[in-house]
N, C-alpha and C. Protein backbone atom coordinates (compact mmCIF):
# COMPACT_ATOMS: atom_id res chain seq x y z
N MET A 1 101.96 72.55 115.14
CA MET A 1 101.71 73.32 114.47
C MET A 1 100.55 73.95 114.88
N SER A 2 100.65 75.21 114.17
CA SER A 2 99.93 76.21 114.87
C SER A 2 98.19 76.33 114.77
N GLU A 3 97.79 77.77 116.24
CA GLU A 3 96.52 77.32 116.05
C GLU A 3 95.47 78.49 115.03
N ALA A 4 94.63 78.17 114.99
CA ALA A 4 94.16 78.87 114.18
C ALA A 4 94.29 80.91 114.49
N LEU A 5 94.26 81.41 113.09
CA LEU A 5 94.34 82.56 113.45
C LEU A 5 93.15 82.83 113.93
N PRO A 6 93.19 84.60 114.67
CA PRO A 6 91.68 84.99 115.13
C PRO A 6 91.02 85.41 114.14
N VAL A 7 89.75 85.85 113.65
CA VAL A 7 89.30 86.62 112.90
C VAL A 7 89.19 87.67 113.04
N PHE A 8 89.43 89.04 112.22
CA PHE A 8 89.32 90.57 112.36
C PHE A 8 88.83 90.77 111.25
N ARG A 9 87.83 91.33 111.69
CA ARG A 9 86.55 91.89 111.34
C ARG A 9 86.50 92.70 109.49
N TYR A 10 87.53 93.67 110.09
CA TYR A 10 88.42 95.18 108.97
C TYR A 10 89.50 94.08 108.11
N HIS A 11 90.30 93.59 108.46
CA HIS A 11 91.53 92.73 107.91
C HIS A 11 91.04 91.52 108.32
N PRO A 12 90.12 90.43 106.65
CA PRO A 12 89.78 89.20 107.38
C PRO A 12 90.98 88.12 106.48
N ASP A 13 91.99 88.40 105.68
CA ASP A 13 92.97 87.59 105.51
C ASP A 13 94.04 88.54 105.70
N PRO A 14 94.58 88.23 106.63
CA PRO A 14 96.21 89.09 106.54
C PRO A 14 96.69 88.72 106.50
N VAL A 15 97.39 86.99 105.94
CA VAL A 15 98.42 86.43 105.71
C VAL A 15 97.75 86.59 104.13
N ARG A 16 96.98 86.07 104.59
CA ARG A 16 97.20 86.38 101.99
C ARG A 16 97.51 88.15 101.73
N SER A 17 97.05 89.56 102.58
CA SER A 17 97.96 90.08 102.52
C SER A 17 98.52 91.33 103.22
N GLY A 18 99.40 90.02 103.57
CA GLY A 18 101.29 90.14 103.75
C GLY A 18 101.53 90.42 105.03
N SER A 19 100.68 91.17 105.65
CA SER A 19 100.12 91.92 106.54
C SER A 19 100.97 90.64 107.80
N VAL A 20 100.72 88.88 108.38
CA VAL A 20 100.77 88.48 108.91
C VAL A 20 102.12 87.23 108.38
N GLU A 21 102.61 86.53 108.87
CA GLU A 21 103.28 85.93 107.99
C GLU A 21 103.95 84.47 109.25
N LYS A 22 103.59 83.61 108.66
CA LYS A 22 103.57 81.86 109.88
C LYS A 22 105.60 82.24 110.49
N SER A 23 105.94 82.32 111.57
CA SER A 23 107.03 82.42 112.17
C SER A 23 107.25 81.91 113.21
N GLN A 24 108.18 81.34 114.32
CA GLN A 24 108.44 81.00 114.98
C GLN A 24 109.24 81.56 116.07
N LYS A 25 109.09 83.02 115.79
CA LYS A 25 108.94 83.87 116.75
C LYS A 25 108.57 83.90 118.27
N THR A 26 109.47 84.21 119.60
CA THR A 26 108.16 84.45 120.04
C THR A 26 107.17 85.82 120.83
N CYS A 27 105.91 86.37 120.70
CA CYS A 27 105.40 87.72 120.85
C CYS A 27 106.17 88.05 122.15
N LYS A 28 106.79 89.36 121.55
CA LYS A 28 107.12 90.41 123.13
C LYS A 28 105.89 90.31 123.56
N CYS A 29 104.59 89.97 123.18
CA CYS A 29 103.58 90.43 124.50
C CYS A 29 103.06 89.89 125.12
N CYS A 30 103.00 88.25 124.62
CA CYS A 30 102.62 87.29 125.29
C CYS A 30 102.76 86.82 125.42
N GLY A 31 104.29 86.58 125.23
CA GLY A 31 105.59 85.68 125.29
C GLY A 31 105.00 83.80 124.64
N GLN A 32 104.88 83.82 123.78
CA GLN A 32 104.17 82.58 123.27
C GLN A 32 104.64 82.71 121.76
N LYS A 33 105.13 81.43 121.44
CA LYS A 33 105.34 81.35 120.11
C LYS A 33 104.37 80.55 119.75
N ARG A 34 103.21 81.33 118.56
CA ARG A 34 102.50 80.48 118.66
C ARG A 34 102.08 80.49 116.59
N GLY A 35 102.91 80.09 116.20
CA GLY A 35 102.76 79.82 115.14
C GLY A 35 103.17 80.81 113.60
N PHE A 36 102.91 82.34 113.84
CA PHE A 36 102.24 83.81 113.13
C PHE A 36 103.16 84.61 114.28
N VAL A 37 103.55 86.19 112.98
CA VAL A 37 103.49 86.42 113.61
C VAL A 37 102.95 87.50 112.37
N TYR A 38 103.15 89.36 112.78
CA TYR A 38 102.49 90.42 112.00
C TYR A 38 104.06 91.22 111.80
N VAL A 39 103.17 91.17 110.72
CA VAL A 39 104.71 92.09 109.59
C VAL A 39 104.48 93.61 109.79
N GLY A 40 103.12 94.08 109.85
CA GLY A 40 103.32 95.26 109.17
C GLY A 40 103.11 96.68 110.71
N PRO A 41 102.60 97.90 110.06
CA PRO A 41 103.03 98.40 110.94
C PRO A 41 102.60 98.76 112.34
N VAL A 42 103.88 99.69 113.25
CA VAL A 42 103.72 99.40 114.64
C VAL A 42 104.03 100.98 115.25
N TYR A 43 103.20 101.57 115.64
CA TYR A 43 102.63 102.66 115.95
C TYR A 43 103.33 102.95 117.89
N ALA A 44 103.83 102.86 117.87
CA ALA A 44 103.88 102.91 119.59
C ALA A 44 106.15 103.54 120.09
N GLU A 45 106.19 103.59 121.14
CA GLU A 45 107.08 104.31 122.25
C GLU A 45 108.55 103.18 121.31
N ALA A 46 107.57 102.06 121.92
CA ALA A 46 108.96 101.46 121.54
C ALA A 46 109.33 101.37 120.57
N ASP A 47 110.74 100.93 120.04
CA ASP A 47 111.23 100.81 118.75
C ASP A 47 111.55 99.69 118.31
N ASP A 48 111.00 98.60 119.68
CA ASP A 48 111.96 96.86 119.54
C ASP A 48 110.46 96.12 118.79
N LEU A 49 109.53 96.13 118.98
CA LEU A 49 107.94 95.71 118.41
C LEU A 49 108.05 95.40 117.02
N ASP A 50 108.82 95.41 115.60
CA ASP A 50 108.67 94.81 114.89
C ASP A 50 109.09 93.36 114.36
N GLU A 51 108.16 92.84 113.76
CA GLU A 51 108.43 91.29 113.49
C GLU A 51 107.78 90.95 114.57
N ALA A 52 107.44 91.03 115.89
CA ALA A 52 107.72 90.52 117.73
C ALA A 52 106.42 90.77 118.18
N ILE A 53 105.11 90.94 117.31
CA ILE A 53 103.81 90.79 118.20
C ILE A 53 102.75 89.89 117.59
N CYS A 54 102.07 88.91 118.22
CA CYS A 54 101.34 87.77 117.03
C CYS A 54 99.65 88.52 117.25
N PRO A 55 99.80 87.79 115.89
CA PRO A 55 97.64 88.68 115.57
C PRO A 55 97.26 88.39 117.16
N TRP A 56 97.32 87.70 118.05
CA TRP A 56 96.63 87.19 118.72
C TRP A 56 96.57 88.18 119.99
N CYS A 57 97.40 88.60 119.72
CA CYS A 57 97.80 89.65 121.06
C CYS A 57 96.71 91.46 120.86
N ILE A 58 97.08 91.55 118.68
CA ILE A 58 96.95 92.15 117.99
C ILE A 58 94.83 92.18 118.84
N ALA A 59 94.76 91.25 118.32
CA ALA A 59 92.66 91.08 118.63
C ALA A 59 92.07 91.57 119.37
N ASP A 60 92.91 91.06 120.34
CA ASP A 60 92.69 90.97 122.26
C ASP A 60 93.04 92.00 122.61
N GLY A 61 93.24 93.14 121.57
CA GLY A 61 94.14 94.48 122.31
C GLY A 61 95.01 94.54 123.16
N SER A 62 95.62 93.39 123.61
CA SER A 62 96.45 93.47 124.90
C SER A 62 97.75 94.12 124.17
N ALA A 63 98.09 93.95 122.94
CA ALA A 63 99.19 94.39 122.50
C ALA A 63 99.36 96.21 122.81
N ALA A 64 97.63 96.45 122.01
CA ALA A 64 97.92 97.94 122.42
C ALA A 64 98.14 98.69 123.82
N ALA A 65 97.31 98.40 124.50
CA ALA A 65 97.64 98.05 125.88
C ALA A 65 98.58 98.27 126.43
N LYS A 66 99.69 97.23 126.25
CA LYS A 66 100.72 96.72 127.25
C LYS A 66 101.86 98.09 126.43
N PHE A 67 102.08 97.83 125.40
CA PHE A 67 102.65 98.86 124.65
C PHE A 67 102.60 100.46 124.21
N ASP A 68 101.62 100.72 124.43
CA ASP A 68 100.06 102.25 123.86
C ASP A 68 100.89 102.90 122.63
N ALA A 69 100.01 101.36 122.09
CA ALA A 69 100.74 101.58 120.56
C ALA A 69 99.57 101.18 119.66
N TYR A 70 99.32 101.36 118.23
CA TYR A 70 98.27 101.18 117.41
C TYR A 70 98.98 100.69 116.20
N PHE A 71 97.53 100.51 115.53
CA PHE A 71 98.81 99.83 114.41
C PHE A 71 97.82 100.98 113.06
N ASN A 72 96.58 101.18 113.00
CA ASN A 72 96.02 102.05 112.19
C ASN A 72 95.69 103.19 112.08
N ASN A 73 96.17 104.27 110.83
CA ASN A 73 95.92 105.82 110.89
C ASN A 73 94.34 105.67 110.64
N VAL A 74 93.10 106.02 111.58
CA VAL A 74 91.97 106.18 111.63
C VAL A 74 91.22 107.85 111.69
N ASP A 75 92.46 108.66 111.07
CA ASP A 75 91.36 110.22 110.96
C ASP A 75 90.92 110.24 109.72
N GLU A 76 91.21 109.43 108.58
CA GLU A 76 89.94 109.06 107.68
C GLU A 76 88.87 109.23 108.19
N ILE A 77 88.39 108.42 108.84
CA ILE A 77 87.04 107.04 109.50
C ILE A 77 86.23 108.65 110.40
N VAL A 78 87.23 108.94 110.83
CA VAL A 78 87.11 110.14 112.25
C VAL A 78 85.62 110.31 111.97
N GLY A 79 83.92 110.59 112.40
CA GLY A 79 83.13 111.43 112.13
C GLY A 79 82.26 110.78 111.32
N GLU A 80 82.83 109.02 110.37
CA GLU A 80 82.43 108.35 110.03
C GLU A 80 81.37 107.19 110.64
N VAL A 81 82.20 107.29 110.91
CA VAL A 81 81.27 105.62 112.09
C VAL A 81 81.87 105.44 113.44
N PRO A 82 81.34 105.15 113.86
CA PRO A 82 81.15 104.96 116.40
C PRO A 82 82.53 105.12 116.51
N GLU A 83 82.42 105.39 117.11
CA GLU A 83 83.80 105.55 118.27
C GLU A 83 85.02 104.26 118.49
N PRO A 84 83.30 103.17 119.21
CA PRO A 84 83.95 101.76 119.28
C PRO A 84 84.23 100.83 117.90
N VAL A 85 84.54 101.01 116.85
CA VAL A 85 84.54 100.73 114.84
C VAL A 85 86.05 101.50 114.96
N GLN A 86 86.22 103.21 115.51
CA GLN A 86 87.21 103.84 115.40
C GLN A 86 88.50 102.82 115.66
N GLU A 87 88.03 102.85 117.33
CA GLU A 87 89.29 102.15 118.45
C GLU A 87 89.46 100.92 117.98
N GLU A 88 88.50 100.01 117.34
CA GLU A 88 89.19 98.35 116.83
C GLU A 88 89.58 98.05 115.93
N VAL A 89 89.90 99.58 114.92
CA VAL A 89 90.75 99.60 113.38
C VAL A 89 92.13 100.26 114.01
N GLU A 90 92.20 101.18 114.85
CA GLU A 90 93.26 101.53 115.39
C GLU A 90 93.86 100.96 116.26
N LYS A 91 93.42 99.72 116.97
CA LYS A 91 94.04 99.06 118.17
C LYS A 91 93.99 97.36 118.26
N ARG A 92 92.35 97.18 117.05
CA ARG A 92 93.12 95.63 117.66
C ARG A 92 92.80 94.79 115.99
N THR A 93 93.01 95.66 114.65
CA THR A 93 93.13 94.82 114.02
C THR A 93 94.47 95.33 112.84
N PRO A 94 94.81 94.16 112.97
CA PRO A 94 96.33 94.54 111.39
C PRO A 94 96.22 95.53 110.18
N GLY A 95 97.62 95.88 110.95
CA GLY A 95 97.92 97.21 109.48
C GLY A 95 98.17 96.45 108.49
N PHE A 96 98.51 97.64 107.09
CA PHE A 96 98.88 97.04 106.42
C PHE A 96 99.85 98.04 105.51
N ILE A 97 100.99 97.33 104.83
CA ILE A 97 102.60 98.11 104.32
C ILE A 97 101.93 99.02 103.73
N THR A 98 102.46 100.52 103.83
CA THR A 98 102.89 101.11 102.36
C THR A 98 103.82 101.47 102.47
N LEU A 99 104.30 103.07 101.29
CA LEU A 99 104.66 103.78 101.10
C LEU A 99 104.76 105.02 102.15
N GLN A 100 103.42 105.43 102.45
CA GLN A 100 103.07 106.15 103.09
C GLN A 100 102.32 105.51 104.36
N GLU A 101 102.04 106.34 105.36
CA GLU A 101 100.94 106.00 106.25
C GLU A 101 99.86 105.22 105.06
N GLY A 102 99.43 104.05 105.50
CA GLY A 102 97.58 103.58 105.84
C GLY A 102 96.49 104.28 106.28
N GLU A 103 95.79 105.27 104.86
CA GLU A 103 94.39 105.50 106.08
C GLU A 103 93.80 104.39 105.36
N TRP A 104 92.70 104.32 106.77
CA TRP A 104 91.83 103.53 106.48
C TRP A 104 90.18 104.09 105.44
N CYS A 105 89.63 103.43 105.28
CA CYS A 105 88.41 103.64 104.50
C CYS A 105 86.96 103.24 104.90
N ALA A 106 85.71 104.10 105.00
CA ALA A 106 84.70 103.96 105.61
C ALA A 106 83.69 104.29 103.44
N CYS A 107 82.72 103.55 104.94
CA CYS A 107 81.60 102.80 103.67
C CYS A 107 80.07 103.41 104.31
N CYS A 108 78.91 103.11 103.38
CA CYS A 108 77.85 102.83 104.79
C CYS A 108 78.15 102.88 106.56
N GLY A 109 79.37 103.94 106.91
CA GLY A 109 78.63 104.34 108.15
C GLY A 109 79.83 102.97 108.88
N ASP A 110 80.06 102.08 108.62
CA ASP A 110 80.75 101.79 108.45
C ASP A 110 82.76 101.44 108.23
N ALA A 111 83.47 101.11 109.07
CA ALA A 111 84.92 101.03 108.20
C ALA A 111 85.34 99.44 107.30
N MET A 112 85.61 100.41 106.66
CA MET A 112 85.40 98.50 105.86
C MET A 112 86.93 97.67 105.49
N ALA A 113 86.45 96.78 104.61
CA ALA A 113 87.43 95.45 105.43
C ALA A 113 88.54 95.67 104.04
N PHE A 114 90.14 95.95 104.89
CA PHE A 114 91.03 95.57 103.86
C PHE A 114 90.87 94.76 103.23
N ILE A 115 91.27 93.89 101.81
CA ILE A 115 91.60 93.20 101.23
C ILE A 115 93.00 93.12 101.05
N MET A 116 94.09 93.66 100.12
CA MET A 116 95.18 93.67 99.68
C MET A 116 95.59 94.98 98.95
N ARG A 117 97.38 94.97 98.31
CA ARG A 117 97.58 95.82 97.94
C ARG A 117 97.28 94.50 96.14
N ALA A 118 96.50 95.63 95.89
CA ALA A 118 95.98 94.66 94.77
C ALA A 118 96.96 95.15 93.39
N SER A 119 96.82 93.98 92.49
CA SER A 119 96.82 94.23 91.08
C SER A 119 96.56 93.82 90.42
N GLU A 120 96.65 94.06 88.37
CA GLU A 120 96.14 93.83 87.78
C GLU A 120 95.59 92.61 87.91
N LYS A 121 96.03 91.74 87.77
CA LYS A 121 95.19 90.38 87.59
C LYS A 121 94.35 90.45 89.08
N ASP A 122 94.49 90.44 90.26
CA ASP A 122 93.37 90.87 91.06
C ASP A 122 92.39 91.80 91.19
N LEU A 123 92.39 92.50 90.11
CA LEU A 123 90.96 93.25 89.78
C LEU A 123 90.49 92.88 88.87
N LEU A 124 91.54 91.95 87.88
CA LEU A 124 90.58 91.60 86.84
C LEU A 124 90.32 89.91 87.30
N SER A 125 90.31 89.82 88.60
CA SER A 125 89.79 87.89 88.70
C SER A 125 87.71 88.41 89.11
N ARG A 126 87.72 86.85 89.00
CA ARG A 126 86.58 86.71 89.48
C ARG A 126 86.26 86.67 90.93
N GLU A 127 86.90 86.65 91.70
CA GLU A 127 87.19 86.85 93.79
C GLU A 127 86.97 88.73 93.29
N PHE A 128 86.80 89.70 92.69
CA PHE A 128 86.43 90.99 93.05
C PHE A 128 85.78 91.78 92.09
N PRO A 129 84.51 91.12 91.74
CA PRO A 129 83.72 91.78 90.62
C PRO A 129 83.54 92.97 91.07
N LYS A 130 83.96 93.60 89.57
CA LYS A 130 84.12 95.02 89.28
C LYS A 130 84.78 95.98 89.93
N SER A 131 85.54 95.54 91.08
CA SER A 131 87.34 96.24 91.96
C SER A 131 87.61 97.12 90.57
N ARG A 132 87.83 96.31 88.72
CA ARG A 132 89.02 97.28 87.92
C ARG A 132 88.51 98.89 87.87
N SER A 133 87.07 98.46 88.34
CA SER A 133 85.99 99.29 87.16
C SER A 133 85.66 100.57 88.37
N ALA A 134 86.13 100.57 89.42
CA ALA A 134 85.43 100.64 90.49
C ALA A 134 87.12 101.87 91.31
N LEU A 135 88.39 101.19 91.00
CA LEU A 135 89.36 101.74 90.74
C LEU A 135 89.88 102.40 89.40
N MET A 136 89.00 102.52 88.58
CA MET A 136 89.12 104.00 87.32
C MET A 136 88.28 104.53 87.38
N ILE A 137 87.20 105.19 87.90
CA ILE A 137 86.27 105.93 88.31
C ILE A 137 86.46 106.26 89.58
N GLN A 138 88.03 105.60 90.89
CA GLN A 138 88.29 106.73 91.27
C GLN A 138 88.98 107.39 91.15
N LEU A 139 89.62 106.91 90.07
CA LEU A 139 91.28 107.85 90.04
C LEU A 139 90.97 108.03 88.22
N LEU A 140 89.92 108.50 87.97
CA LEU A 140 89.38 109.87 87.32
C LEU A 140 89.06 111.03 88.12
N THR A 141 88.07 110.39 88.84
CA THR A 141 86.80 111.48 89.66
C THR A 141 87.33 112.24 90.61
N VAL A 142 88.34 111.72 91.48
CA VAL A 142 89.24 111.43 93.26
C VAL A 142 90.03 111.97 93.09
N GLU A 143 90.07 110.96 92.25
CA GLU A 143 92.12 111.76 92.25
C GLU A 143 92.72 112.71 90.98
N LYS A 144 91.98 112.51 89.71
CA LYS A 144 91.42 113.83 89.14
C LYS A 144 93.04 113.13 88.18
N VAL A 145 93.07 111.59 87.72
CA VAL A 145 94.03 111.57 86.74
C VAL A 145 93.74 111.86 85.90
N SER A 146 94.27 111.71 84.44
CA SER A 146 93.68 111.95 83.05
C SER A 146 93.17 110.06 82.70
N SER A 147 92.91 110.13 81.73
CA SER A 147 92.09 109.01 81.64
C SER A 147 92.93 108.07 81.13
N PRO A 148 94.09 108.10 79.82
CA PRO A 148 95.13 107.52 79.49
C PRO A 148 95.77 107.05 80.22
N ASP A 149 96.02 108.20 82.25
CA ASP A 149 96.95 107.81 82.67
C ASP A 149 96.42 106.56 84.03
N ALA A 150 95.22 107.20 83.97
CA ALA A 150 94.38 106.13 85.13
C ALA A 150 94.33 104.60 84.62
N ALA A 151 95.01 104.15 82.68
CA ALA A 151 94.70 103.45 82.58
C ALA A 151 95.55 102.82 82.71
N GLU A 152 97.17 103.56 82.54
CA GLU A 152 97.70 102.91 82.69
C GLU A 152 98.15 102.68 84.04
N PHE A 153 98.07 103.42 84.67
CA PHE A 153 97.90 102.97 86.16
C PHE A 153 97.83 102.07 86.64
N VAL A 154 96.30 101.24 85.98
CA VAL A 154 95.81 100.52 85.85
C VAL A 154 96.50 99.03 85.33
N MET A 155 96.74 98.84 84.40
CA MET A 155 97.15 98.52 83.54
C MET A 155 98.68 98.22 84.00
N THR A 156 99.26 98.82 84.50
CA THR A 156 100.35 98.44 85.29
C THR A 156 101.37 97.70 86.81
N LEU A 157 100.30 98.22 87.50
CA LEU A 157 99.97 97.60 88.97
C LEU A 157 100.49 95.90 89.03
N THR A 158 101.89 95.63 89.63
CA THR A 158 101.83 94.47 90.65
C THR A 158 102.13 94.52 91.69
N LYS A 159 102.51 93.69 92.16
CA LYS A 159 102.89 93.64 93.78
C LYS A 159 103.94 94.36 94.20
N ASP A 160 104.60 94.07 92.81
CA ASP A 160 105.99 94.55 93.42
C ASP A 160 106.93 96.20 92.51
N SER A 161 105.41 97.01 92.52
CA SER A 161 105.10 98.30 90.88
C SER A 161 105.50 99.26 91.59
N ASP A 162 106.13 100.72 90.82
CA ASP A 162 106.10 102.01 92.11
C ASP A 162 105.37 102.52 92.37
N HIS A 163 103.55 101.96 92.27
CA HIS A 163 103.26 102.35 92.32
C HIS A 163 101.37 101.85 92.73
N SER A 164 100.41 102.37 94.08
CA SER A 164 99.70 100.72 94.29
C SER A 164 99.02 101.38 94.82
N ALA A 165 98.08 100.24 95.00
CA ALA A 165 96.42 100.35 94.88
C ALA A 165 96.52 99.50 96.10
N TYR A 166 95.59 100.31 97.64
CA TYR A 166 95.14 99.37 98.32
C TYR A 166 93.44 99.07 98.37
N MET A 167 92.97 97.87 98.26
CA MET A 167 91.90 97.81 97.98
C MET A 167 91.52 97.45 99.32
N PHE A 168 90.00 98.04 99.65
CA PHE A 168 89.47 97.89 101.13
C PHE A 168 87.74 97.25 100.08
N CYS A 169 86.68 96.15 100.79
CA CYS A 169 85.84 96.65 100.29
C CYS A 169 84.94 96.51 101.19
N CYS A 170 83.32 97.16 101.10
CA CYS A 170 82.41 97.51 102.56
C CYS A 170 81.88 96.71 102.77
N LEU A 171 81.69 96.48 104.00
CA LEU A 171 81.49 95.20 104.37
C LEU A 171 79.85 94.65 104.21
N LYS A 172 79.24 96.39 103.60
CA LYS A 172 77.82 96.53 103.87
C LYS A 172 77.12 96.16 102.53
N CYS A 173 77.61 97.29 101.61
CA CYS A 173 77.17 97.31 99.76
C CYS A 173 78.47 96.22 99.06
N GLY A 174 78.88 96.30 99.81
CA GLY A 174 80.61 95.65 98.62
C GLY A 174 80.83 96.25 97.74
N LYS A 175 80.83 97.47 98.29
CA LYS A 175 81.69 98.27 97.20
C LYS A 175 83.05 98.32 97.33
N TYR A 176 84.05 98.75 96.49
CA TYR A 176 85.08 98.84 97.23
C TYR A 176 85.36 100.46 96.50
N GLN A 177 86.41 100.55 97.40
CA GLN A 177 87.40 101.63 97.33
C GLN A 177 88.87 101.03 97.95
N PHE A 178 89.35 101.96 97.57
CA PHE A 178 91.29 102.10 97.07
C PHE A 178 91.67 103.43 97.85
N GLN A 179 93.07 102.84 98.08
CA GLN A 179 93.88 104.48 99.12
C GLN A 179 94.83 103.81 97.68
N VAL A 180 95.58 104.82 97.12
CA VAL A 180 96.86 104.72 96.21
C VAL A 180 97.29 105.78 96.70
N GLU A 181 98.65 105.35 96.02
CA GLU A 181 99.78 105.62 95.55
C GLU A 181 100.60 105.45 94.41
N TYR A 182 101.43 106.78 94.37
CA TYR A 182 102.21 107.24 92.96
C TYR A 182 103.54 107.40 93.34
N PRO A 183 103.93 107.17 92.42
CA PRO A 183 106.15 107.53 92.40
C PRO A 183 106.63 108.63 92.80
């Protein structure tokens, strides 16, 4: 039986988002089999770290320290959030898989929580109220997508579509933001 996963303030459900999976692999950092392995991006000199680090070694910073690694690009939030928050997101928070390098979002002077790669079904669920309208507004005003193209983008979002909307939620005000990718 595996132990309970560590808590990640800025990535509250890494199993649901697909960044952590059940596994009996041995962690290359701590040498233990803990029942889960991180499957997201690892940015490090060592090239044999894919699916080789447990979430506990990310949470306590030992994987970042041992391999001089980071798990998230924080360039977009530098200057918007305190340095300790940048470091927590960069070195002690599981990343997420994207076609391009993921960029973290910030709101209310803090990093936002990564939720998941959203499908239209997710955006319409009661669990994420107003997320669909937040994405539409972002597509129209920030991304400068035409109204018909924005509607099509959202209506055709699936977990496997060739375009993506990576959902973030502010821990303070509850606002949604998205990192979007086009084919």
